[in-house]
PDB file of all heavy atoms in Angstrom:
ATOM      1  N   GLN A   1       0.824  -1.217   0.000  1.00  0.00           N
ATOM      2  CA  GLN A   1       0.000   0.000   0.000  1.00  0.00           C
ATOM      3  C   GLN A   1       0.860   1.269   0.000  1.00  0.00           C
ATOM      4  O   GLN A   1       0.670   2.190   0.803  1.00  0.00           O
ATOM      5  CB  GLN A   1      -0.974  -0.002   1.190  1.00  0.00           C
ATOM      6  CG  GLN A   1      -1.975  -1.152   1.149  1.00  0.00           C
ATOM      7  CD  GLN A   1      -2.993  -1.106   2.268  1.00  0.00           C
ATOM      8  OE1 GLN A   1      -2.700  -0.634   3.364  1.00  0.00           O
ATOM      9  NE2 GLN A   1      -4.188  -1.599   1.998  1.00  0.00           N
ATOM     10  N   VAL A   2       1.801   1.300  -0.913  1.00  0.00           N
ATOM     11  CA  VAL A   2       2.684   2.457  -1.087  1.00  0.00           C
ATOM     12  C   VAL A   2       2.080   3.383  -2.137  1.00  0.00           C
ATOM     13  O   VAL A   2       1.599   2.919  -3.179  1.00  0.00           O
ATOM     14  CB  VAL A   2       4.089   2.003  -1.537  1.00  0.00           C
ATOM     15  CG1 VAL A   2       4.966   3.201  -1.871  1.00  0.00           C
ATOM     16  CG2 VAL A   2       4.730   1.146  -0.463  1.00  0.00           C
ATOM     17  N   GLY A   3       2.094   4.676  -1.872  1.00  0.00           N
ATOM     18  CA  GLY A   3       1.545   5.643  -2.819  1.00  0.00           C
ATOM     19  C   GLY A   3       2.381   5.751  -4.084  1.00  0.00           C
ATOM     20  O   GLY A   3       3.595   5.543  -4.068  1.00  0.00           O
ATOM     21  N   LEU A   4       1.712   6.067  -5.180  1.00  0.00           N
ATOM     22  CA  LEU A   4       2.396   6.194  -6.471  1.00  0.00           C
ATOM     23  C   LEU A   4       2.720   7.634  -6.850  1.00  0.00           C
ATOM     24  O   LEU A   4       3.475   7.870  -7.783  1.00  0.00           O
ATOM     25  CB  LEU A   4       1.537   5.572  -7.581  1.00  0.00           C
ATOM     26  CG  LEU A   4       1.647   4.056  -7.802  1.00  0.00           C
ATOM     27  CD1 LEU A   4       0.690   3.623  -8.896  1.00  0.00           C
ATOM     28  CD2 LEU A   4       3.071   3.667  -8.169  1.00  0.00           C
ATOM     29  N   HIS A   5       2.151   8.608  -6.140  1.00  0.00           N
ATOM     30  CA  HIS A   5       2.317  10.005  -6.556  1.00  0.00           C
ATOM     31  C   HIS A   5       3.728  10.494  -6.206  1.00  0.00           C
ATOM     32  O   HIS A   5       4.339  10.028  -5.236  1.00  0.00           O
ATOM     33  CB  HIS A   5       1.281  10.899  -5.885  1.00  0.00           C
ATOM     34  CG  HIS A   5       1.374  10.880  -4.386  1.00  0.00           C
ATOM     35  ND1 HIS A   5       0.864   9.847  -3.618  1.00  0.00           N
ATOM     36  CD2 HIS A   5       1.943  11.762  -3.509  1.00  0.00           C
ATOM     37  CE1 HIS A   5       1.100  10.090  -2.335  1.00  0.00           C
ATOM     38  NE2 HIS A   5       1.752  11.235  -2.246  1.00  0.00           N
ATOM     39  N   PRO A   6       4.274  11.441  -6.973  1.00  0.00           N
ATOM     40  CA  PRO A   6       5.608  11.987  -6.672  1.00  0.00           C
ATOM     41  C   PRO A   6       5.621  12.683  -5.309  1.00  0.00           C
ATOM     42  O   PRO A   6       4.657  13.349  -4.930  1.00  0.00           O
ATOM     43  CB  PRO A   6       5.841  12.991  -7.801  1.00  0.00           C
ATOM     44  CG  PRO A   6       4.918  12.568  -8.896  1.00  0.00           C
ATOM     45  CD  PRO A   6       3.713  11.992  -8.217  1.00  0.00           C
ATOM     46  N   GLN A   7       6.725  12.544  -4.588  1.00  0.00           N
ATOM     47  CA  GLN A   7       6.922  13.199  -3.293  1.00  0.00           C
ATOM     48  C   GLN A   7       8.122  14.143  -3.402  1.00  0.00           C
ATOM     49  O   GLN A   7       9.277  13.695  -3.394  1.00  0.00           O
ATOM     50  CB  GLN A   7       7.147  12.161  -2.196  1.00  0.00           C
ATOM     51  CG  GLN A   7       5.969  11.217  -1.996  1.00  0.00           C
ATOM     52  CD  GLN A   7       6.240  10.165  -0.930  1.00  0.00           C
ATOM     53  OE1 GLN A   7       7.210  10.244  -0.180  1.00  0.00           O
ATOM     54  NE2 GLN A   7       5.385   9.156  -0.880  1.00  0.00           N
ATOM     55  N   PRO A   8       7.886  15.443  -3.513  1.00  0.00           N
ATOM     56  CA  PRO A   8       8.984  16.401  -3.746  1.00  0.00           C
ATOM     57  C   PRO A   8      10.114  16.317  -2.733  1.00  0.00           C
ATOM     58  O   PRO A   8      11.287  16.439  -3.098  1.00  0.00           O
ATOM     59  CB  PRO A   8       8.275  17.760  -3.676  1.00  0.00           C
ATOM     60  CG  PRO A   8       6.863  17.458  -4.078  1.00  0.00           C
ATOM     61  CD  PRO A   8       6.570  16.099  -3.527  1.00  0.00           C
ATOM     62  N   ALA A   9       9.803  16.087  -1.458  1.00  0.00           N
ATOM     63  CA  ALA A   9      10.857  16.035  -0.430  1.00  0.00           C
ATOM     64  C   ALA A   9      11.808  14.870  -0.686  1.00  0.00           C
ATOM     65  O   ALA A   9      13.033  15.011  -0.562  1.00  0.00           O
ATOM     66  CB  ALA A   9      10.232  15.920   0.959  1.00  0.00           C
ATOM     67  N   VAL A  10      11.256  13.705  -1.052  1.00  0.00           N
ATOM     68  CA  VAL A  10      12.093  12.543  -1.331  1.00  0.00           C
ATOM     69  C   VAL A  10      12.895  12.756  -2.609  1.00  0.00           C
ATOM     70  O   VAL A  10      14.093  12.423  -2.680  1.00  0.00           O
ATOM     71  CB  VAL A  10      11.231  11.262  -1.445  1.00  0.00           C
ATOM     72  CG1 VAL A  10      12.099  10.061  -1.807  1.00  0.00           C
ATOM     73  CG2 VAL A  10      10.493  11.004  -0.140  1.00  0.00           C
ATOM     74  N   LEU A  11      12.256  13.339  -3.611  1.00  0.00           N
ATOM     75  CA  LEU A  11      12.958  13.612  -4.865  1.00  0.00           C
ATOM     76  C   LEU A  11      14.124  14.572  -4.647  1.00  0.00           C
ATOM     77  O   LEU A  11      15.203  14.396  -5.217  1.00  0.00           O
ATOM     78  CB  LEU A  11      11.978  14.186  -5.903  1.00  0.00           C
ATOM     79  CG  LEU A  11      10.926  13.212  -6.434  1.00  0.00           C
ATOM     80  CD1 LEU A  11       9.901  13.947  -7.278  1.00  0.00           C
ATOM     81  CD2 LEU A  11      11.585  12.103  -7.255  1.00  0.00           C
ATOM     82  N   ARG A  12      13.926  15.589  -3.801  1.00  0.00           N
ATOM     83  CA  ARG A  12      15.016  16.526  -3.515  1.00  0.00           C
ATOM     84  C   ARG A  12      16.173  15.818  -2.810  1.00  0.00           C
ATOM     85  O   ARG A  12      17.341  16.075  -3.107  1.00  0.00           O
ATOM     86  CB  ARG A  12      14.507  17.690  -2.657  1.00  0.00           C
ATOM     87  CG  ARG A  12      13.714  18.728  -3.429  1.00  0.00           C
ATOM     88  CD  ARG A  12      13.541  19.998  -2.622  1.00  0.00           C
ATOM     89  NE  ARG A  12      12.779  19.764  -1.396  1.00  0.00           N
ATOM     90  CZ  ARG A  12      11.449  19.869  -1.317  1.00  0.00           C
ATOM     91  NH1 ARG A  12      10.740  20.191  -2.392  1.00  0.00           N
ATOM     92  NH2 ARG A  12      10.824  19.642  -0.181  1.00  0.00           N
ATOM     93  N   ALA A  13      15.854  14.925  -1.865  1.00  0.00           N
ATOM     94  CA  ALA A  13      16.898  14.182  -1.160  1.00  0.00           C
ATOM     95  C   ALA A  13      17.672  13.276  -2.120  1.00  0.00           C
ATOM     96  O   ALA A  13      18.896  13.157  -2.030  1.00  0.00           O
ATOM     97  CB  ALA A  13      16.286  13.365  -0.034  1.00  0.00           C
ATOM     98  N   GLN A  14      16.956  12.650  -3.036  1.00  0.00           N
ATOM     99  CA  GLN A  14      17.621  11.798  -4.017  1.00  0.00           C
ATOM    100  C   GLN A  14      18.507  12.613  -4.948  1.00  0.00           C
ATOM    101  O   GLN A  14      19.614  12.192  -5.308  1.00  0.00           O
ATOM    102  CB  GLN A  14      16.584  11.013  -4.818  1.00  0.00           C
ATOM    103  CG  GLN A  14      15.870   9.934  -4.004  1.00  0.00           C
ATOM    104  CD  GLN A  14      14.935   9.089  -4.850  1.00  0.00           C
ATOM    105  OE1 GLN A  14      14.642   9.420  -6.000  1.00  0.00           O
ATOM    106  NE2 GLN A  14      14.447   7.996  -4.288  1.00  0.00           N
ATOM    107  N   LEU A  15      18.058  13.799  -5.316  1.00  0.00           N
ATOM    108  CA  LEU A  15      18.849  14.656  -6.195  1.00  0.00           C
ATOM    109  C   LEU A  15      20.106  15.173  -5.494  1.00  0.00           C
ATOM    110  O   LEU A  15      21.147  15.354  -6.129  1.00  0.00           O
ATOM    111  CB  LEU A  15      18.003  15.828  -6.695  1.00  0.00           C
ATOM    112  CG  LEU A  15      16.993  15.480  -7.791  1.00  0.00           C
ATOM    113  CD1 LEU A  15      16.042  16.646  -8.032  1.00  0.00           C
ATOM    114  CD2 LEU A  15      17.717  15.102  -9.090  1.00  0.00           C
ATOM    115  N   ALA A  16      20.019  15.411  -4.183  1.00  0.00           N
ATOM    116  CA  ALA A  16      21.199  15.856  -3.434  1.00  0.00           C
ATOM    117  C   ALA A  16      22.279  14.773  -3.448  1.00  0.00           C
ATOM    118  O   ALA A  16      23.470  15.049  -3.642  1.00  0.00           O
ATOM    119  CB  ALA A  16      20.814  16.201  -1.998  1.00  0.00           C
ATOM    120  N   LEU A  17      21.867  13.530  -3.248  1.00  0.00           N
ATOM    121  CA  LEU A  17      22.809  12.419  -3.322  1.00  0.00           C
ATOM    122  C   LEU A  17      23.325  12.242  -4.751  1.00  0.00           C
ATOM    123  O   LEU A  17      24.506  11.972  -4.973  1.00  0.00           O
ATOM    124  CB  LEU A  17      22.112  11.137  -2.847  1.00  0.00           C
ATOM    125  CG  LEU A  17      22.961   9.888  -2.651  1.00  0.00           C
ATOM    126  CD1 LEU A  17      24.081  10.135  -1.661  1.00  0.00           C
ATOM    127  CD2 LEU A  17      22.092   8.724  -2.171  1.00  0.00           C
ATOM    128  N   ALA A  18      22.441  12.457  -5.711  1.00  0.00           N
ATOM    129  CA  ALA A  18      22.820  12.333  -7.121  1.00  0.00           C
ATOM    130  C   ALA A  18      23.898  13.336  -7.501  1.00  0.00           C
ATOM    131  O   ALA A  18      24.801  13.029  -8.282  1.00  0.00           O
ATOM    132  CB  ALA A  18      21.589  12.537  -8.003  1.00  0.00           C
ATOM    133  N   ARG A  19      23.817  14.551  -6.943  1.00  0.00           N
ATOM    134  CA  ARG A  19      24.805  15.600  -7.253  1.00  0.00           C
ATOM    135  C   ARG A  19      26.220  15.122  -6.926  1.00  0.00           C
ATOM    136  O   ARG A  19      27.142  15.280  -7.727  1.00  0.00           O
ATOM    137  CB  ARG A  19      24.466  16.841  -6.440  1.00  0.00           C
ATOM    138  CG  ARG A  19      25.458  17.983  -6.542  1.00  0.00           C
ATOM    139  CD  ARG A  19      25.245  18.926  -5.374  1.00  0.00           C
ATOM    140  NE  ARG A  19      25.432  18.240  -4.104  1.00  0.00           N
ATOM    141  CZ  ARG A  19      24.795  18.553  -2.973  1.00  0.00           C
ATOM    142  NH1 ARG A  19      23.912  19.529  -2.952  1.00  0.00           N
ATOM    143  NH2 ARG A  19      25.050  17.889  -1.861  1.00  0.00           N
ATOM    144  N   ASP A  20      26.395  14.508  -5.745  1.00  0.00           N
ATOM    145  CA  ASP A  20      27.715  14.045  -5.336  1.00  0.00           C
ATOM    146  C   ASP A  20      28.197  12.877  -6.190  1.00  0.00           C
ATOM    147  O   ASP A  20      29.359  12.827  -6.598  1.00  0.00           O
ATOM    148  CB  ASP A  20      27.691  13.629  -3.860  1.00  0.00           C
ATOM    149  CG  ASP A  20      27.393  14.800  -2.940  1.00  0.00           C
ATOM    150  OD1 ASP A  20      27.783  15.930  -3.277  1.00  0.00           O
ATOM    151  OD2 ASP A  20      26.768  14.573  -1.885  1.00  0.00           O
ATOM    152  N   LEU A  21      27.302  11.945  -6.476  1.00  0.00           N
ATOM    153  CA  LEU A  21      27.682  10.787  -7.285  1.00  0.00           C
ATOM    154  C   LEU A  21      27.984  11.183  -8.727  1.00  0.00           C
ATOM    155  O   LEU A  21      28.879  10.616  -9.368  1.00  0.00           O
ATOM    156  CB  LEU A  21      26.570   9.736  -7.238  1.00  0.00           C
ATOM    157  CG  LEU A  21      26.340   9.086  -5.868  1.00  0.00           C
ATOM    158  CD1 LEU A  21      25.141   8.143  -5.927  1.00  0.00           C
ATOM    159  CD2 LEU A  21      27.576   8.330  -5.402  1.00  0.00           C
ATOM    160  N   LEU A  22      27.253  12.170  -9.237  1.00  0.00           N
ATOM    161  CA  LEU A  22      27.493  12.642 -10.604  1.00  0.00           C
ATOM    162  C   LEU A  22      28.856  13.317 -10.711  1.00  0.00           C
ATOM    163  O   LEU A  22      29.603  13.083 -11.672  1.00  0.00           O
ATOM    164  CB  LEU A  22      26.391  13.615 -11.018  1.00  0.00           C
ATOM    165  CG  LEU A  22      26.473  14.189 -12.437  1.00  0.00           C
ATOM    166  CD1 LEU A  22      26.451  13.068 -13.471  1.00  0.00           C
ATOM    167  CD2 LEU A  22      25.327  15.162 -12.690  1.00  0.00           C
ATOM    168  N   ALA A  23      29.213  14.146  -9.709  1.00  0.00           N
ATOM    169  CA  ALA A  23      30.519  14.804  -9.723  1.00  0.00           C
ATOM    170  C   ALA A  23      31.638  13.767  -9.680  1.00  0.00           C
ATOM    171  O   ALA A  23      32.658  13.890 -10.369  1.00  0.00           O
ATOM    172  CB  ALA A  23      30.634  15.758  -8.533  1.00  0.00           C
ATOM    173  N   ARG A  24      31.447  12.730  -8.876  1.00  0.00           N
ATOM    174  CA  ARG A  24      32.440  11.649  -8.796  1.00  0.00           C
ATOM    175  C   ARG A  24      32.568  10.938 -10.137  1.00  0.00           C
ATOM    176  O   ARG A  24      33.680  10.650 -10.602  1.00  0.00           O
ATOM    177  CB  ARG A  24      32.015  10.676  -7.699  1.00  0.00           C
ATOM    178  CG  ARG A  24      32.910   9.467  -7.517  1.00  0.00           C
ATOM    179  CD  ARG A  24      32.445   8.692  -6.285  1.00  0.00           C
ATOM    180  NE  ARG A  24      33.225   7.483  -6.084  1.00  0.00           N
ATOM    181  CZ  ARG A  24      32.848   6.273  -6.477  1.00  0.00           C
ATOM    182  NH1 ARG A  24      31.677   6.116  -7.113  1.00  0.00           N
ATOM    183  NH2 ARG A  24      33.608   5.220  -6.260  1.00  0.00           N
ATOM    184  N   SER A  25      31.440  10.652 -10.772  1.00  0.00           N
ATOM    185  CA  SER A  25      31.462   9.972 -12.061  1.00  0.00           C
ATOM    186  C   SER A  25      32.148  10.815 -13.131  1.00  0.00           C
ATOM    187  O   SER A  25      32.902  10.292 -13.965  1.00  0.00           O
ATOM    188  CB  SER A  25      30.021   9.648 -12.488  1.00  0.00           C
ATOM    189  OG  SER A  25      29.998   8.975 -13.715  1.00  0.00           O
ATOM    190  N   LEU A  26      31.915  12.129 -13.111  1.00  0.00           N
ATOM    191  CA  LEU A  26      32.557  13.015 -14.082  1.00  0.00           C
ATOM    192  C   LEU A  26      34.074  13.029 -13.903  1.00  0.00           C
ATOM    193  O   LEU A  26      34.818  13.152 -14.881  1.00  0.00           O
ATOM    194  CB  LEU A  26      31.991  14.431 -13.951  1.00  0.00           C
ATOM    195  CG  LEU A  26      30.559  14.619 -14.470  1.00  0.00           C
ATOM    196  CD1 LEU A  26      30.027  16.001 -14.090  1.00  0.00           C
ATOM    197  CD2 LEU A  26      30.492  14.425 -15.981  1.00  0.00           C
ATOM    198  N   ALA A  27      34.532  12.904 -12.654  1.00  0.00           N
ATOM    199  CA  ALA A  27      35.975  12.842 -12.406  1.00  0.00           C
ATOM    200  C   ALA A  27      36.575  11.608 -13.069  1.00  0.00           C
ATOM    201  O   ALA A  27      37.646  11.667 -13.696  1.00  0.00           O
ATOM    202  CB  ALA A  27      36.251  12.832 -10.906  1.00  0.00           C
ATOM    203  N   PHE A  28      35.882  10.465 -12.933  1.00  0.00           N
ATOM    204  CA  PHE A  28      36.351   9.245 -13.597  1.00  0.00           C
ATOM    205  C   PHE A  28      36.417   9.439 -15.111  1.00  0.00           C
ATOM    206  O   PHE A  28      37.403   9.067 -15.758  1.00  0.00           O
ATOM    207  CB  PHE A  28      35.413   8.069 -13.288  1.00  0.00           C
ATOM    208  CG  PHE A  28      35.539   7.514 -11.906  1.00  0.00           C
ATOM    209  CD1 PHE A  28      34.425   7.382 -11.093  1.00  0.00           C
ATOM    210  CD2 PHE A  28      36.759   7.103 -11.411  1.00  0.00           C
ATOM    211  CE1 PHE A  28      34.524   6.860  -9.815  1.00  0.00           C
ATOM    212  CE2 PHE A  28      36.882   6.580 -10.135  1.00  0.00           C
ATOM    213  CZ  PHE A  28      35.761   6.463  -9.330  1.00  0.00           C
ATOM    214  N   GLN A  29      35.369  10.022 -15.677  1.00  0.00           N
ATOM    215  CA  GLN A  29      35.314  10.201 -17.122  1.00  0.00           C
ATOM    216  C   GLN A  29      36.437  11.103 -17.611  1.00  0.00           C
ATOM    217  O   GLN A  29      37.071  10.837 -18.637  1.00  0.00           O
ATOM    218  CB  GLN A  29      33.955  10.774 -17.533  1.00  0.00           C
ATOM    219  CG  GLN A  29      32.785   9.845 -17.303  1.00  0.00           C
ATOM    220  CD  GLN A  29      32.884   8.575 -18.117  1.00  0.00           C
ATOM    221  OE1 GLN A  29      33.404   8.570 -19.215  1.00  0.00           O
ATOM    222  NE2 GLN A  29      32.382   7.482 -17.569  1.00  0.00           N
ATOM    223  N   ALA A  30      36.686  12.192 -16.888  1.00  0.00           N
ATOM    224  CA  ALA A  30      37.751  13.120 -17.277  1.00  0.00           C
ATOM    225  C   ALA A  30      39.102  12.414 -17.294  1.00  0.00           C
ATOM    226  O   ALA A  30      39.919  12.616 -18.206  1.00  0.00           O
ATOM    227  CB  ALA A  30      37.790  14.311 -16.324  1.00  0.00           C
TER     228      ALA A  30
END
């Protein structure tokens, strides 16, 4: 019984973690 609608607070938290992982990945690529 988990909701399907987007949750902005969770999405923002995921994007914050994504920012760090993306910067790390770009370092590897460079």
